[in-house]
Amino acid sequence: MMTELPDARRHKTGLRGKDMLKINLKQLEAFTATAEYGSFTRAAEELYLTQSTVSAHILALEETLGVQLILRGARRKLTLTEEGRRVYGAARDILDRCRLLQDPESTAQGGELSVGASTAPAQYLLPGLLSGFFQRYGDSRFLLRRGDSAQVHSLLTQGEVRIGVVGGALDRRMFTYQTLCDDRLVLVTAATERFRALKVQGLYGRDLLDEPFIVREETSGTRRVTEEYWKKHGISQDRMRVVACMDNPEAIRRSVAEGMGVSVMSELSVREEANAGKLLTFDLDESGFFRRIYLVWRKDVSLTRMEQAFVTYLRSELKKKG
């Protein structure tokens, strides 16, 4: 959709009618979002675009207007030039007027959401969020598929789901990732007197690497980021005595509780048992170890308004929860 700047703005930028036809709403959206968030990256996340696309839209707008709109600096927040501030006001007005023509709440209603989620988000994060979204958009329908992070990426590639919630960013060339929240990974042990004493002593999870270990399957996001943690801290996995490899967190929890071994797991997946005193959790180190939970979709897929509403809802709700 093409648009024009108001006459006063057009005069100040020296544009002619034929040049105005080169300006489109995507360029104005990219520019205003970048101006408001002070970041190309943040603007890209909000607009469901890549950073390079946002930059290209703004460069095209600057070329058409014949002025520099943004002062770019690697070590400081982006700021607008004088012309940028002038154009921002006009662009914001145009976008606001366009939104009056369409009710985003009504157009987001209805439709099916196909979502693939890795184990911890599927079991402990999404159920309550899906319920809340359904209450707001009652005509929506959900298809939820579960697997490890690699399996969810495969579902996305094959088109069996449109949006994923995963614990690992596996292919940034093919997929768009947005950080949804941070997930604390902890070492989980049985609630025995020996482990209780070690916890009282202030030991961390990486002080307990001589214990028998239960690990997740190789394609698990939890296992991948945990192995990256060991490598980063110079911890050889050869010293670990792996007694079992399991792909089911419930089976791991029960095995740990029965004293078979210890395991690194999402704090989300053991919170209830830890609060009930059935399991003990140890931070891996003094800072705690976190992985990111991502929203992901294919770069060649344009999200529907329903899907955009779902993504916005998830991020908003989790932001409230801190």
C-alpha atoms as a PDB file:
ATOM      1  CA  MET A   1       0.000   0.000   0.000  1.00  0.00           C
ATOM      2  CA  MET A   2       1.439   3.331  -1.055  1.00  0.00           C
ATOM      3  CA  THR A   3       0.888   6.539   0.870  1.00  0.00           C
ATOM      4  CA  GLU A   4       1.906  10.190   0.899  1.00  0.00           C
ATOM      5  CA  LEU A   5       3.336  12.449   3.535  1.00  0.00           C
ATOM      6  CA  PRO A   6       1.212  15.509   4.348  1.00  0.00           C
ATOM      7  CA  ASP A   7       1.936  18.560   2.155  1.00  0.00           C
ATOM      8  CA  ALA A   8       3.982  20.338   4.822  1.00  0.00           C
ATOM      9  CA  ARG A   9       6.258  17.329   5.271  1.00  0.00           C
ATOM     10  CA  ARG A  10       6.551  16.837   1.512  1.00  0.00           C
ATOM     11  CA  HIS A  11       7.624  20.438   1.040  1.00  0.00           C
ATOM     12  CA  LYS A  12      10.326  20.255   3.716  1.00  0.00           C
ATOM     13  CA  THR A  13      11.861  17.114   2.244  1.00  0.00           C
ATOM     14  CA  GLY A  14      11.749  18.493  -1.288  1.00  0.00           C
ATOM     15  CA  LEU A  15       9.874  15.501  -2.686  1.00  0.00           C
ATOM     16  CA  ARG A  16       7.994  15.494  -5.930  1.00  0.00           C
ATOM     17  CA  GLY A  17       4.841  13.521  -6.635  1.00  0.00           C
ATOM     18  CA  LYS A  18       6.608  10.726  -8.539  1.00  0.00           C
ATOM     19  CA  ASP A  19       9.031  10.232  -5.632  1.00  0.00           C
ATOM     20  CA  MET A  20       6.174   9.921  -3.135  1.00  0.00           C
ATOM     21  CA  LEU A  21       4.994   6.790  -4.927  1.00  0.00           C
ATOM     22  CA  LYS A  22       8.188   5.077  -3.806  1.00  0.00           C
ATOM     23  CA  ILE A  23       7.206   5.361  -0.115  1.00  0.00           C
ATOM     24  CA  ASN A  24       5.166   2.521   1.349  1.00  0.00           C
ATOM     25  CA  LEU A  25       3.736   1.654   4.745  1.00  0.00           C
ATOM     26  CA  LYS A  26       6.337  -1.055   5.403  1.00  0.00           C
ATOM     27  CA  GLN A  27       9.065   1.576   5.232  1.00  0.00           C
ATOM     28  CA  LEU A  28       7.162   3.875   7.583  1.00  0.00           C
ATOM     29  CA  GLU A  29       6.500   1.011  10.027  1.00  0.00           C
ATOM     30  CA  ALA A  30      10.173   0.031  10.052  1.00  0.00           C
ATOM     31  CA  PHE A  31      11.278   3.630  10.598  1.00  0.00           C
ATOM     32  CA  THR A  32       8.783   4.442  13.387  1.00  0.00           C
ATOM     33  CA  ALA A  33       9.431   1.163  15.221  1.00  0.00           C
ATOM     34  CA  THR A  34      13.198   1.727  15.103  1.00  0.00           C
ATOM     35  CA  ALA A  35      12.739   5.300  16.298  1.00  0.00           C
ATOM     36  CA  GLU A  36      10.510   4.206  19.176  1.00  0.00           C
ATOM     37  CA  TYR A  37      12.624   1.276  20.370  1.00  0.00           C
ATOM     38  CA  GLY A  38      16.016   2.802  19.572  1.00  0.00           C
ATOM     39  CA  SER A  39      17.158  -0.474  18.079  1.00  0.00           C
ATOM     40  CA  PHE A  40      17.029  -2.204  14.700  1.00  0.00           C
ATOM     41  CA  THR A  41      16.955  -5.571  16.476  1.00  0.00           C
ATOM     42  CA  ARG A  42      14.043  -4.692  18.751  1.00  0.00           C
ATOM     43  CA  ALA A  43      12.104  -3.132  15.854  1.00  0.00           C
ATOM     44  CA  ALA A  44      12.615  -6.311  13.825  1.00  0.00           C
ATOM     45  CA  GLU A  45      11.245  -8.430  16.675  1.00  0.00           C
ATOM     46  CA  GLU A  46       8.157  -6.272  17.046  1.00  0.00           C
ATOM     47  CA  LEU A  47       7.443  -6.269  13.312  1.00  0.00           C
ATOM     48  CA  TYR A  48       8.190  -9.990  12.814  1.00  0.00           C
ATOM     49  CA  LEU A  49      10.902  -9.118  10.295  1.00  0.00           C
ATOM     50  CA  THR A  50      14.626  -9.730  10.050  1.00  0.00           C
ATOM     51  CA  GLN A  51      16.982  -6.946  11.084  1.00  0.00           C
ATOM     52  CA  SER A  52      18.339  -6.706   7.541  1.00  0.00           C
ATOM     53  CA  THR A  53      14.810  -6.156   6.192  1.00  0.00           C
ATOM     54  CA  VAL A  54      14.165  -3.346   8.669  1.00  0.00           C
ATOM     55  CA  SER A  55      17.478  -1.697   7.744  1.00  0.00           C
ATOM     56  CA  ALA A  56      16.673  -2.029   4.030  1.00  0.00           C
ATOM     57  CA  HIS A  57      13.250  -0.410   4.468  1.00  0.00           C
ATOM     58  CA  ILE A  58      14.789   2.547   6.306  1.00  0.00           C
ATOM     59  CA  LEU A  59      17.600   2.982   3.797  1.00  0.00           C
ATOM     60  CA  ALA A  60      15.036   2.976   0.981  1.00  0.00           C
ATOM     61  CA  LEU A  61      13.016   5.620   2.805  1.00  0.00           C
ATOM     62  CA  GLU A  62      16.103   7.777   3.355  1.00  0.00           C
ATOM     63  CA  GLU A  63      17.065   7.486  -0.302  1.00  0.00           C
ATOM     64  CA  THR A  64      13.588   8.510  -1.432  1.00  0.00           C
ATOM     65  CA  LEU A  65      13.453  11.460   0.972  1.00  0.00           C
ATOM     66  CA  GLY A  66      17.040  12.437   0.240  1.00  0.00           C
ATOM     67  CA  VAL A  67      17.846  12.915   3.940  1.00  0.00           C
ATOM     68  CA  GLN A  68      19.411  10.973   6.782  1.00  0.00           C
ATOM     69  CA  LEU A  69      16.769  10.017   9.332  1.00  0.00           C
ATOM     70  CA  ILE A  70      18.769   8.092  11.939  1.00  0.00           C
ATOM     71  CA  LEU A  71      22.165   8.647  13.550  1.00  0.00           C
ATOM     72  CA  ARG A  72      23.658   5.173  13.717  1.00  0.00           C
ATOM     73  CA  GLY A  73      26.179   4.408  16.428  1.00  0.00           C
ATOM     74  CA  ALA A  74      27.532   1.043  17.498  1.00  0.00           C
ATOM     75  CA  ARG A  75      27.938   1.974  21.158  1.00  0.00           C
ATOM     76  CA  ARG A  76      24.891   4.072  21.810  1.00  0.00           C
ATOM     77  CA  LYS A  77      21.173   4.037  21.368  1.00  0.00           C
ATOM     78  CA  LEU A  78      20.039   5.090  17.920  1.00  0.00           C
ATOM     79  CA  THR A  79      18.797   8.674  17.725  1.00  0.00           C
ATOM     80  CA  LEU A  80      16.905  10.636  15.109  1.00  0.00           C
ATOM     81  CA  THR A  81      18.296  13.512  13.107  1.00  0.00           C
ATOM     82  CA  GLU A  82      16.327  16.764  12.982  1.00  0.00           C
ATOM     83  CA  GLU A  83      14.779  15.624   9.687  1.00  0.00           C
ATOM     84  CA  GLY A  84      14.147  12.220  11.253  1.00  0.00           C
ATOM     85  CA  ARG A  85      12.132  13.766  14.085  1.00  0.00           C
ATOM     86  CA  ARG A  86      10.136  15.772  11.566  1.00  0.00           C
ATOM     87  CA  VAL A  87       9.396  12.750   9.374  1.00  0.00           C
ATOM     88  CA  TYR A  88       8.632  10.581  12.408  1.00  0.00           C
ATOM     89  CA  GLY A  89       5.707  12.788  13.406  1.00  0.00           C
ATOM     90  CA  ALA A  90       4.203  12.595   9.917  1.00  0.00           C
ATOM     91  CA  ALA A  91       4.835   8.856   9.597  1.00  0.00           C
ATOM     92  CA  ARG A  92       3.293   8.147  13.004  1.00  0.00           C
ATOM     93  CA  ASP A  93       0.202  10.131  12.028  1.00  0.00           C
ATOM     94  CA  ILE A  94      -0.168   8.203   8.750  1.00  0.00           C
ATOM     95  CA  LEU A  95       0.137   4.813  10.450  1.00  0.00           C
ATOM     96  CA  ASP A  96      -2.324   5.749  13.190  1.00  0.00           C
ATOM     97  CA  ARG A  97      -4.861   6.871  10.582  1.00  0.00           C
ATOM     98  CA  CYS A  98      -4.436   3.617   8.680  1.00  0.00           C
ATOM     99  CA  ARG A  99      -5.045   1.573  11.827  1.00  0.00           C
ATOM    100  CA  LEU A 100      -8.381   3.310  12.297  1.00  0.00           C
ATOM    101  CA  LEU A 101      -9.515   1.625   9.083  1.00  0.00           C
ATOM    102  CA  GLN A 102      -9.012  -1.820  10.572  1.00  0.00           C
ATOM    103  CA  ASP A 103      -9.903  -3.255  13.982  1.00  0.00           C
ATOM    104  CA  PRO A 104      -7.006  -5.545  14.929  1.00  0.00           C
ATOM    105  CA  GLU A 105      -9.031  -7.214  17.682  1.00  0.00           C
ATOM    106  CA  SER A 106     -11.763  -8.363  15.335  1.00  0.00           C
ATOM    107  CA  THR A 107      -9.448  -9.443  12.521  1.00  0.00           C
ATOM    108  CA  ALA A 108      -7.380 -11.502  14.947  1.00  0.00           C
ATOM    109  CA  GLN A 109     -10.430 -13.546  15.949  1.00  0.00           C
ATOM    110  CA  GLY A 110     -10.928 -17.027  14.575  1.00  0.00           C
ATOM    111  CA  GLY A 111      -8.652 -19.569  12.943  1.00  0.00           C
ATOM    112  CA  GLU A 112      -6.392 -22.472  13.894  1.00  0.00           C
ATOM    113  CA  LEU A 113      -3.038 -22.099  15.577  1.00  0.00           C
ATOM    114  CA  SER A 114      -0.629 -24.957  14.903  1.00  0.00           C
ATOM    115  CA  VAL A 115       2.137 -24.891  17.500  1.00  0.00           C
ATOM    116  CA  GLY A 116       5.061 -27.239  18.103  1.00  0.00           C
ATOM    117  CA  ALA A 117       6.735 -27.118  21.511  1.00  0.00           C
ATOM    118  CA  SER A 118       9.712 -28.810  23.065  1.00  0.00           C
ATOM    119  CA  THR A 119       9.213 -30.793  26.249  1.00  0.00           C
ATOM    120  CA  ALA A 120       9.501 -28.267  29.083  1.00  0.00           C
ATOM    121  CA  PRO A 121       7.525 -25.448  27.399  1.00  0.00           C
ATOM    122  CA  ALA A 122       4.839 -27.899  26.211  1.00  0.00           C
ATOM    123  CA  GLN A 123       4.258 -29.335  29.679  1.00  0.00           C
ATOM    124  CA  TYR A 124       4.911 -26.475  32.044  1.00  0.00           C
ATOM    125  CA  LEU A 125       4.749 -23.163  30.168  1.00  0.00           C
ATOM    126  CA  LEU A 126       2.147 -23.301  27.419  1.00  0.00           C
ATOM    127  CA  PRO A 127      -0.947 -24.897  29.017  1.00  0.00           C
ATOM    128  CA  GLY A 128      -1.858 -21.857  31.123  1.00  0.00           C
ATOM    129  CA  LEU A 129      -0.947 -19.435  28.333  1.00  0.00           C
ATOM    130  CA  LEU A 130      -3.046 -21.307  25.774  1.00  0.00           C
ATOM    131  CA  SER A 131      -5.989 -21.212  28.165  1.00  0.00           C
ATOM    132  CA  GLY A 132      -5.611 -17.456  28.646  1.00  0.00           C
ATOM    133  CA  PHE A 133      -5.376 -16.833  24.922  1.00  0.00           C
ATOM    134  CA  PHE A 134      -8.456 -18.977  24.283  1.00  0.00           C
ATOM    135  CA  GLN A 135     -10.438 -16.921  26.794  1.00  0.00           C
ATOM    136  CA  ARG A 136      -9.520 -13.752  24.905  1.00  0.00           C
ATOM    137  CA  TYR A 137      -9.970 -15.183  21.394  1.00  0.00           C
ATOM    138  CA  GLY A 138     -12.755 -17.701  21.841  1.00  0.00           C
ATOM    139  CA  ASP A 139     -12.989 -18.632  18.165  1.00  0.00           C
ATOM    140  CA  SER A 140      -9.382 -19.859  18.044  1.00  0.00           C
ATOM    141  CA  ARG A 141      -8.471 -23.548  17.783  1.00  0.00           C
ATOM    142  CA  PHE A 142      -5.161 -25.121  18.778  1.00  0.00           C
ATOM    143  CA  LEU A 143      -3.101 -27.913  17.317  1.00  0.00           C
ATOM    144  CA  LEU A 144      -0.237 -28.615  19.737  1.00  0.00           C
ATOM    145  CA  ARG A 145       2.544 -31.019  18.759  1.00  0.00           C
ATOM    146  CA  ARG A 146       5.290 -31.989  21.166  1.00  0.00           C
ATOM    147  CA  GLY A 147       8.857 -33.165  20.630  1.00  0.00           C
ATOM    148  CA  ASP A 148      12.420 -32.188  21.422  1.00  0.00           C
ATOM    149  CA  SER A 149      13.891 -29.033  19.884  1.00  0.00           C
ATOM    150  CA  ALA A 150      15.151 -30.830  16.764  1.00  0.00           C
ATOM    151  CA  GLN A 151      11.776 -32.488  16.213  1.00  0.00           C
ATOM    152  CA  VAL A 152       9.946 -29.164  16.486  1.00  0.00           C
ATOM    153  CA  HIS A 153      12.271 -27.646  13.881  1.00  0.00           C
ATOM    154  CA  SER A 154      11.512 -30.621  11.641  1.00  0.00           C
ATOM    155  CA  LEU A 155       7.765 -30.056  12.075  1.00  0.00           C
ATOM    156  CA  LEU A 156       8.251 -26.414  11.088  1.00  0.00           C
ATOM    157  CA  THR A 157      10.321 -27.358   8.046  1.00  0.00           C
ATOM    158  CA  GLN A 158       7.682 -29.822   6.879  1.00  0.00           C
ATOM    159  CA  GLY A 159       4.873 -27.317   7.418  1.00  0.00           C
ATOM    160  CA  GLU A 160       3.121 -29.480  10.020  1.00  0.00           C
ATOM    161  CA  VAL A 161       3.171 -26.584  12.497  1.00  0.00           C
ATOM    162  CA  ARG A 162       3.570 -22.856  11.879  1.00  0.00           C
ATOM    163  CA  ILE A 163       5.012 -21.641  15.197  1.00  0.00           C
ATOM    164  CA  GLY A 164       7.458 -23.338  17.546  1.00  0.00           C
ATOM    165  CA  VAL A 165       8.426 -22.852  21.199  1.00  0.00           C
ATOM    166  CA  VAL A 166      11.868 -24.352  21.747  1.00  0.00           C
ATOM    167  CA  GLY A 167      14.890 -24.311  24.014  1.00  0.00           C
ATOM    168  CA  GLY A 168      17.486 -23.947  21.266  1.00  0.00           C
ATOM    169  CA  ALA A 169      18.094 -21.792  18.173  1.00  0.00           C
ATOM    170  CA  LEU A 170      19.330 -24.415  15.716  1.00  0.00           C
ATOM    171  CA  ASP A 171      19.290 -22.662  12.324  1.00  0.00           C
ATOM    172  CA  ARG A 172      19.168 -18.860  12.175  1.00  0.00           C
ATOM    173  CA  ARG A 173      19.484 -18.864   8.382  1.00  0.00           C
ATOM    174  CA  MET A 174      16.188 -20.655   7.867  1.00  0.00           C
ATOM    175  CA  PHE A 175      14.214 -19.588  10.932  1.00  0.00           C
ATOM    176  CA  THR A 176      13.242 -16.393  12.720  1.00  0.00           C
ATOM    177  CA  TYR A 177      13.762 -16.542  16.506  1.00  0.00           C
ATOM    178  CA  GLN A 178      12.353 -14.298  19.208  1.00  0.00           C
ATOM    179  CA  THR A 179      13.348 -14.674  22.840  1.00  0.00           C
ATOM    180  CA  LEU A 180      10.265 -15.573  24.852  1.00  0.00           C
ATOM    181  CA  CYS A 181      11.744 -15.987  28.328  1.00  0.00           C
ATOM    182  CA  ASP A 182      14.711 -17.363  30.250  1.00  0.00           C
ATOM    183  CA  ASP A 183      14.598 -20.863  31.723  1.00  0.00           C
ATOM    184  CA  ARG A 184      16.835 -21.754  34.666  1.00  0.00           C
ATOM    185  CA  LEU A 185      18.599 -25.115  34.376  1.00  0.00           C
ATOM    186  CA  VAL A 186      19.456 -26.818  37.649  1.00  0.00           C
ATOM    187  CA  LEU A 187      21.079 -30.024  38.844  1.00  0.00           C
ATOM    188  CA  VAL A 188      18.361 -32.217  40.341  1.00  0.00           C
ATOM    189  CA  THR A 189      19.040 -34.810  43.042  1.00  0.00           C
ATOM    190  CA  ALA A 190      17.084 -37.097  45.306  1.00  0.00           C
ATOM    191  CA  ALA A 191      15.932 -35.513  48.569  1.00  0.00           C
ATOM    192  CA  THR A 192      18.250 -37.613  50.741  1.00  0.00           C
ATOM    193  CA  GLU A 193      19.940 -36.494  53.922  1.00  0.00           C
ATOM    194  CA  ARG A 194      23.340 -36.565  52.176  1.00  0.00           C
ATOM    195  CA  PHE A 195      22.233 -34.211  49.417  1.00  0.00           C
ATOM    196  CA  ARG A 196      20.401 -31.992  51.920  1.00  0.00           C
ATOM    197  CA  ALA A 197      23.670 -31.645  53.861  1.00  0.00           C
ATOM    198  CA  LEU A 198      25.571 -30.772  50.689  1.00  0.00           C
ATOM    199  CA  LYS A 199      22.978 -28.125  49.871  1.00  0.00           C
ATOM    200  CA  VAL A 200      23.295 -26.632  53.347  1.00  0.00           C
ATOM    201  CA  GLN A 201      27.068 -26.483  52.799  1.00  0.00           C
ATOM    202  CA  GLY A 202      26.414 -24.262  49.782  1.00  0.00           C
ATOM    203  CA  LEU A 203      27.683 -26.613  47.084  1.00  0.00           C
ATOM    204  CA  TYR A 204      26.773 -25.988  43.468  1.00  0.00           C
ATOM    205  CA  GLY A 205      25.716 -28.443  40.813  1.00  0.00           C
ATOM    206  CA  ARG A 206      29.113 -28.497  39.152  1.00  0.00           C
ATOM    207  CA  ASP A 207      30.590 -29.643  42.488  1.00  0.00           C
ATOM    208  CA  LEU A 208      28.607 -32.871  42.130  1.00  0.00           C
ATOM    209  CA  LEU A 209      29.900 -34.133  38.807  1.00  0.00           C
ATOM    210  CA  ASP A 210      31.182 -37.381  40.322  1.00  0.00           C
ATOM    211  CA  GLU A 211      27.581 -38.500  40.911  1.00  0.00           C
ATOM    212  CA  PRO A 212      25.994 -40.953  38.439  1.00  0.00           C
ATOM    213  CA  PHE A 213      24.304 -38.914  35.683  1.00  0.00           C
ATOM    214  CA  ILE A 214      21.035 -39.309  33.799  1.00  0.00           C
ATOM    215  CA  VAL A 215      21.071 -37.312  30.548  1.00  0.00           C
ATOM    216  CA  ARG A 216      18.521 -36.330  27.921  1.00  0.00           C
ATOM    217  CA  GLU A 217      18.558 -37.651  24.349  1.00  0.00           C
ATOM    218  CA  GLU A 218      21.113 -36.130  21.940  1.00  0.00           C
ATOM    219  CA  THR A 219      18.571 -33.970  20.068  1.00  0.00           C
ATOM    220  CA  SER A 220      17.279 -32.369  23.260  1.00  0.00           C
ATOM    221  CA  GLY A 221      17.761 -28.617  23.632  1.00  0.00           C
ATOM    222  CA  THR A 222      18.468 -29.108  27.333  1.00  0.00           C
ATOM    223  CA  ARG A 223      21.280 -31.543  26.592  1.00  0.00           C
ATOM    224  CA  ARG A 224      22.764 -29.323  23.880  1.00  0.00           C
ATOM    225  CA  VAL A 225      23.000 -26.194  26.039  1.00  0.00           C
ATOM    226  CA  THR A 226      24.235 -28.209  29.023  1.00  0.00           C
ATOM    227  CA  GLU A 227      27.072 -29.655  26.952  1.00  0.00           C
ATOM    228  CA  GLU A 228      27.910 -26.127  25.813  1.00  0.00           C
ATOM    229  CA  TYR A 229      28.063 -25.123  29.487  1.00  0.00           C
ATOM    230  CA  TRP A 230      30.473 -27.959  30.343  1.00  0.00           C
ATOM    231  CA  LYS A 231      32.697 -27.019  27.407  1.00  0.00           C
ATOM    232  CA  LYS A 232      32.664 -23.298  28.250  1.00  0.00           C
ATOM    233  CA  HIS A 233      33.804 -24.010  31.809  1.00  0.00           C
ATOM    234  CA  GLY A 234      36.468 -26.521  30.816  1.00  0.00           C
ATOM    235  CA  ILE A 235      34.615 -29.481  32.308  1.00  0.00           C
ATOM    236  CA  SER A 236      35.405 -32.749  30.548  1.00  0.00           C
ATOM    237  CA  GLN A 237      32.353 -34.916  30.004  1.00  0.00           C
ATOM    238  CA  ASP A 238      34.628 -37.951  30.133  1.00  0.00           C
ATOM    239  CA  ARG A 239      34.756 -37.628  33.906  1.00  0.00           C
ATOM    240  CA  MET A 240      30.963 -38.047  34.163  1.00  0.00           C
ATOM    241  CA  ARG A 241      29.509 -41.476  34.769  1.00  0.00           C
ATOM    242  CA  VAL A 242      26.403 -41.558  32.579  1.00  0.00           C
ATOM    243  CA  VAL A 243      24.119 -44.349  33.772  1.00  0.00           C
ATOM    244  CA  ALA A 244      21.065 -43.627  31.594  1.00  0.00           C
ATOM    245  CA  CYS A 245      19.851 -41.605  28.608  1.00  0.00           C
ATOM    246  CA  MET A 246      16.129 -40.812  28.611  1.00  0.00           C
ATOM    247  CA  ASP A 247      13.799 -38.727  26.437  1.00  0.00           C
ATOM    248  CA  ASN A 248      11.021 -38.331  29.005  1.00  0.00           C
ATOM    249  CA  PRO A 249      11.382 -35.749  31.809  1.00  0.00           C
ATOM    250  CA  GLU A 250       8.831 -37.591  33.934  1.00  0.00           C
ATOM    251  CA  ALA A 251      10.924 -40.756  33.759  1.00  0.00           C
ATOM    252  CA  ILE A 252      14.035 -38.759  34.644  1.00  0.00           C
ATOM    253  CA  ARG A 253      12.325 -37.141  37.643  1.00  0.00           C
ATOM    254  CA  ARG A 254      11.196 -40.493  38.990  1.00  0.00           C
ATOM    255  CA  SER A 255      14.596 -42.072  38.440  1.00  0.00           C
ATOM    256  CA  VAL A 256      16.324 -39.208  40.235  1.00  0.00           C
ATOM    257  CA  ALA A 257      13.847 -39.367  43.123  1.00  0.00           C
ATOM    258  CA  GLU A 258      14.538 -43.091  43.471  1.00  0.00           C
ATOM    259  CA  GLY A 259      18.283 -42.425  43.735  1.00  0.00           C
ATOM    260  CA  MET A 260      19.408 -43.712  40.328  1.00  0.00           C
ATOM    261  CA  GLY A 261      21.438 -40.584  39.641  1.00  0.00           C
ATOM    262  CA  VAL A 262      21.369 -36.821  39.199  1.00  0.00           C
ATOM    263  CA  SER A 263      20.365 -34.831  36.130  1.00  0.00           C
ATOM    264  CA  VAL A 264      20.367 -31.315  34.698  1.00  0.00           C
ATOM    265  CA  MET A 265      16.780 -30.269  34.071  1.00  0.00           C
ATOM    266  CA  SER A 266      14.613 -27.225  33.520  1.00  0.00           C
ATOM    267  CA  GLU A 267      13.622 -25.702  36.838  1.00  0.00           C
ATOM    268  CA  LEU A 268      10.112 -25.408  35.396  1.00  0.00           C
ATOM    269  CA  SER A 269       9.838 -29.187  35.130  1.00  0.00           C
ATOM    270  CA  VAL A 270      10.762 -29.919  38.762  1.00  0.00           C
ATOM    271  CA  ARG A 271       9.367 -26.888  40.588  1.00  0.00           C
ATOM    272  CA  GLU A 272       6.373 -28.721  42.026  1.00  0.00           C
ATOM    273  CA  GLU A 273       8.421 -31.670  43.318  1.00  0.00           C
ATOM    274  CA  ALA A 274      11.119 -29.358  44.703  1.00  0.00           C
ATOM    275  CA  ASN A 275       8.535 -27.250  46.554  1.00  0.00           C
ATOM    276  CA  ALA A 276       7.034 -30.450  47.970  1.00  0.00           C
ATOM    277  CA  GLY A 277      10.460 -31.619  49.176  1.00  0.00           C
ATOM    278  CA  LYS A 278      10.499 -34.667  46.891  1.00  0.00           C
ATOM    279  CA  LEU A 279      13.558 -33.455  44.941  1.00  0.00           C
ATOM    280  CA  LEU A 280      16.435 -31.072  45.598  1.00  0.00           C
ATOM    281  CA  THR A 281      17.789 -28.534  43.104  1.00  0.00           C
ATOM    282  CA  PHE A 282      21.294 -27.056  42.924  1.00  0.00           C
ATOM    283  CA  ASP A 283      22.267 -24.054  40.801  1.00  0.00           C
ATOM    284  CA  LEU A 284      25.155 -25.087  38.561  1.00  0.00           C
ATOM    285  CA  ASP A 285      27.251 -22.137  39.758  1.00  0.00           C
ATOM    286  CA  GLU A 286      27.015 -18.915  41.757  1.00  0.00           C
ATOM    287  CA  SER A 287      25.415 -17.012  38.865  1.00  0.00           C
ATOM    288  CA  GLY A 288      22.873 -19.646  37.951  1.00  0.00           C
ATOM    289  CA  PHE A 289      22.657 -21.154  34.486  1.00  0.00           C
ATOM    290  CA  PHE A 290      19.918 -20.054  32.119  1.00  0.00           C
ATOM    291  CA  ARG A 291      18.926 -20.955  28.610  1.00  0.00           C
ATOM    292  CA  ARG A 292      16.559 -19.027  26.387  1.00  0.00           C
ATOM    293  CA  ILE A 293      13.140 -20.243  25.369  1.00  0.00           C
ATOM    294  CA  TYR A 294      12.452 -19.064  21.821  1.00  0.00           C
ATOM    295  CA  LEU A 295       9.457 -18.498  19.618  1.00  0.00           C
ATOM    296  CA  VAL A 296      10.407 -19.673  16.142  1.00  0.00           C
ATOM    297  CA  TRP A 297       8.927 -19.762  12.662  1.00  0.00           C
ATOM    298  CA  ARG A 298      10.260 -20.171   9.144  1.00  0.00           C
ATOM    299  CA  LYS A 299      11.609 -17.040   7.502  1.00  0.00           C
ATOM    300  CA  ASP A 300       9.616 -17.712   4.357  1.00  0.00           C
ATOM    301  CA  VAL A 301       6.347 -17.767   6.324  1.00  0.00           C
ATOM    302  CA  SER A 302       4.282 -14.626   6.963  1.00  0.00           C
ATOM    303  CA  LEU A 303       2.370 -14.878  10.215  1.00  0.00           C
ATOM    304  CA  THR A 304      -1.386 -14.398  10.034  1.00  0.00           C
ATOM    305  CA  ARG A 305      -3.027 -11.765  12.220  1.00  0.00           C
ATOM    306  CA  MET A 306      -4.174 -14.525  14.576  1.00  0.00           C
ATOM    307  CA  GLU A 307      -0.628 -15.866  14.827  1.00  0.00           C
ATOM    308  CA  GLN A 308       0.763 -12.365  15.393  1.00  0.00           C
ATOM    309  CA  ALA A 309      -1.803 -11.852  18.152  1.00  0.00           C
ATOM    310  CA  PHE A 310      -0.718 -15.162  19.718  1.00  0.00           C
ATOM    311  CA  VAL A 311       2.983 -14.248  19.627  1.00  0.00           C
ATOM    312  CA  THR A 312       2.268 -10.814  21.115  1.00  0.00           C
ATOM    313  CA  TYR A 313       0.090 -12.355  23.830  1.00  0.00           C
ATOM    314  CA  LEU A 314       2.746 -14.889  24.886  1.00  0.00           C
ATOM    315  CA  ARG A 315       5.474 -12.258  25.132  1.00  0.00           C
ATOM    316  CA  SER A 316       3.224  -9.840  27.004  1.00  0.00           C
ATOM    317  CA  GLU A 317       2.057 -12.411  29.563  1.00  0.00           C
ATOM    318  CA  LEU A 318       5.541 -13.730  30.279  1.00  0.00           C
ATOM    319  CA  LYS A 319       6.883 -10.194  30.585  1.00  0.00           C
ATOM    320  CA  LYS A 320       4.275  -9.551  33.310  1.00  0.00           C
ATOM    321  CA  LYS A 321       5.476 -12.625  35.177  1.00  0.00           C
ATOM    322  CA  GLY A 322       9.068 -11.351  35.003  1.00  0.00           C
END
